[in-house]
């Protein structure tokens, strides 16, 4: 399987010189879940990382422990109002 094109583009845009390391972390997460992790979760992780490789790694660890918290932080305004839907591509959301 391959990483979705919008996810690849966002990784390139956000991680620049650390792109290969960021891709390795994302690919390792896909592999660890036997490619069963959703693109929604991957988009949420990348969004929360904000181009910071250290933050990417810690967000991946949080996702392994409590994936619902990652989704909530990425999609909601710390309450009940959903601001984003990462079932949509980064292009659809206007992030690339």
Protein backbone atom coordinates (compact mmCIF):
# COMPACT_ATOMS: atom_id res chain seq x y z
CA UNK A 1 0.00 0.00 0.00
CA UNK A 2 1.04 3.58 -0.48
CA UNK A 3 0.61 6.75 1.50
CA UNK A 4 -2.23 8.88 0.13
CA UNK A 5 -1.08 11.64 -2.20
CA UNK A 6 -2.48 14.46 -0.06
CA UNK A 7 -0.64 13.09 2.96
CA UNK A 8 2.61 12.89 1.01
CA UNK A 9 2.18 16.49 -0.16
CA UNK A 10 1.47 17.72 3.37
CA UNK A 11 4.53 15.91 4.71
CA UNK A 12 6.67 17.55 2.02
CA UNK A 13 5.20 20.96 2.75
CA UNK A 14 5.52 20.72 6.53
CA UNK A 15 8.75 18.83 7.12
CA UNK A 16 11.21 20.06 4.47
CA UNK A 17 14.69 18.91 5.45
CA UNK A 18 13.25 16.36 7.89
CA UNK A 19 10.91 14.86 5.29
CA UNK A 20 12.64 11.48 5.09
CA UNK A 21 12.53 11.12 8.89
CA UNK A 22 8.87 12.15 9.03
CA UNK A 23 7.96 9.70 6.25
CA UNK A 24 9.83 6.94 8.07
CA UNK A 25 7.79 7.61 11.23
CA UNK A 26 4.49 7.60 9.33
CA UNK A 27 5.41 4.47 7.37
CA UNK A 28 6.44 2.74 10.62
CA UNK A 29 3.03 3.59 12.09
CA UNK A 30 1.29 2.19 9.01
CA UNK A 31 3.42 -0.96 9.25
CA UNK A 32 2.79 -1.36 12.98
CA UNK A 33 -0.94 -1.38 12.31
CA UNK A 34 -0.63 -3.57 9.21
CA UNK A 35 -1.89 -0.60 7.17
CA UNK A 36 -5.14 -0.65 9.15
CA UNK A 37 -4.73 2.84 10.60
CA UNK A 38 -7.02 5.32 8.90
CA UNK A 39 -5.89 8.21 6.76
CA UNK A 40 -8.07 10.32 9.07
CA UNK A 41 -5.77 9.45 11.96
CA UNK A 42 -2.62 10.08 9.92
CA UNK A 43 -3.95 13.47 8.80
CA UNK A 44 -4.80 14.32 12.41
CA UNK A 45 -1.29 13.42 13.56
CA UNK A 46 0.36 15.48 10.81
CA UNK A 47 -1.94 18.43 11.47
CA UNK A 48 -1.14 18.43 15.19
CA UNK A 49 2.61 18.09 14.55
CA UNK A 50 2.68 21.46 12.74
CA UNK A 51 5.89 20.58 10.90
CA UNK A 52 7.81 19.79 14.09
CA UNK A 53 9.49 16.38 13.92
CA UNK A 54 9.69 15.99 17.71
CA UNK A 55 6.00 16.84 18.00
CA UNK A 56 5.23 14.35 15.22
CA UNK A 57 6.89 11.57 17.19
CA UNK A 58 5.11 12.47 20.44
CA UNK A 59 1.75 12.72 18.66
CA UNK A 60 2.29 9.28 17.15
CA UNK A 61 2.98 7.93 20.63
CA UNK A 62 -0.19 9.59 21.93
CA UNK A 63 -2.15 8.03 19.06
CA UNK A 64 -0.88 4.60 20.06
CA UNK A 65 -2.11 5.16 23.62
CA UNK A 66 -5.30 7.19 23.07
CA UNK A 67 -6.27 7.69 19.44
CA UNK A 68 -9.54 9.41 20.44
CA UNK A 69 -7.61 12.20 22.14
CA UNK A 70 -5.62 12.81 18.95
CA UNK A 71 -8.79 13.00 16.86
CA UNK A 72 -10.45 15.31 19.37
CA UNK A 73 -7.45 17.67 19.50
CA UNK A 74 -7.20 17.78 15.70
CA UNK A 75 -10.86 18.16 14.82
CA UNK A 76 -12.56 19.98 17.70
CA UNK A 77 -12.22 23.34 19.46
CA UNK A 78 -11.63 21.82 22.90
CA UNK A 79 -15.37 21.42 23.21
CA UNK A 80 -18.20 19.96 21.22
CA UNK A 81 -17.82 22.05 18.06
CA UNK A 82 -16.17 20.19 15.22
CA UNK A 83 -13.94 22.54 13.22
CA UNK A 84 -12.30 20.08 10.82
CA UNK A 85 -13.06 16.65 9.38
CA UNK A 86 -9.91 14.73 8.56
CA UNK A 87 -11.91 12.16 6.62
CA UNK A 88 -11.48 14.84 3.96
CA UNK A 89 -8.15 15.22 2.19
CA UNK A 90 -5.76 18.03 3.03
CA UNK A 91 -6.67 19.53 -0.35
CA UNK A 92 -10.38 19.50 0.48
CA UNK A 93 -9.61 21.19 3.78
CA UNK A 94 -7.39 23.80 2.14
CA UNK A 95 -4.17 22.76 3.89
CA UNK A 96 -2.07 22.08 0.75
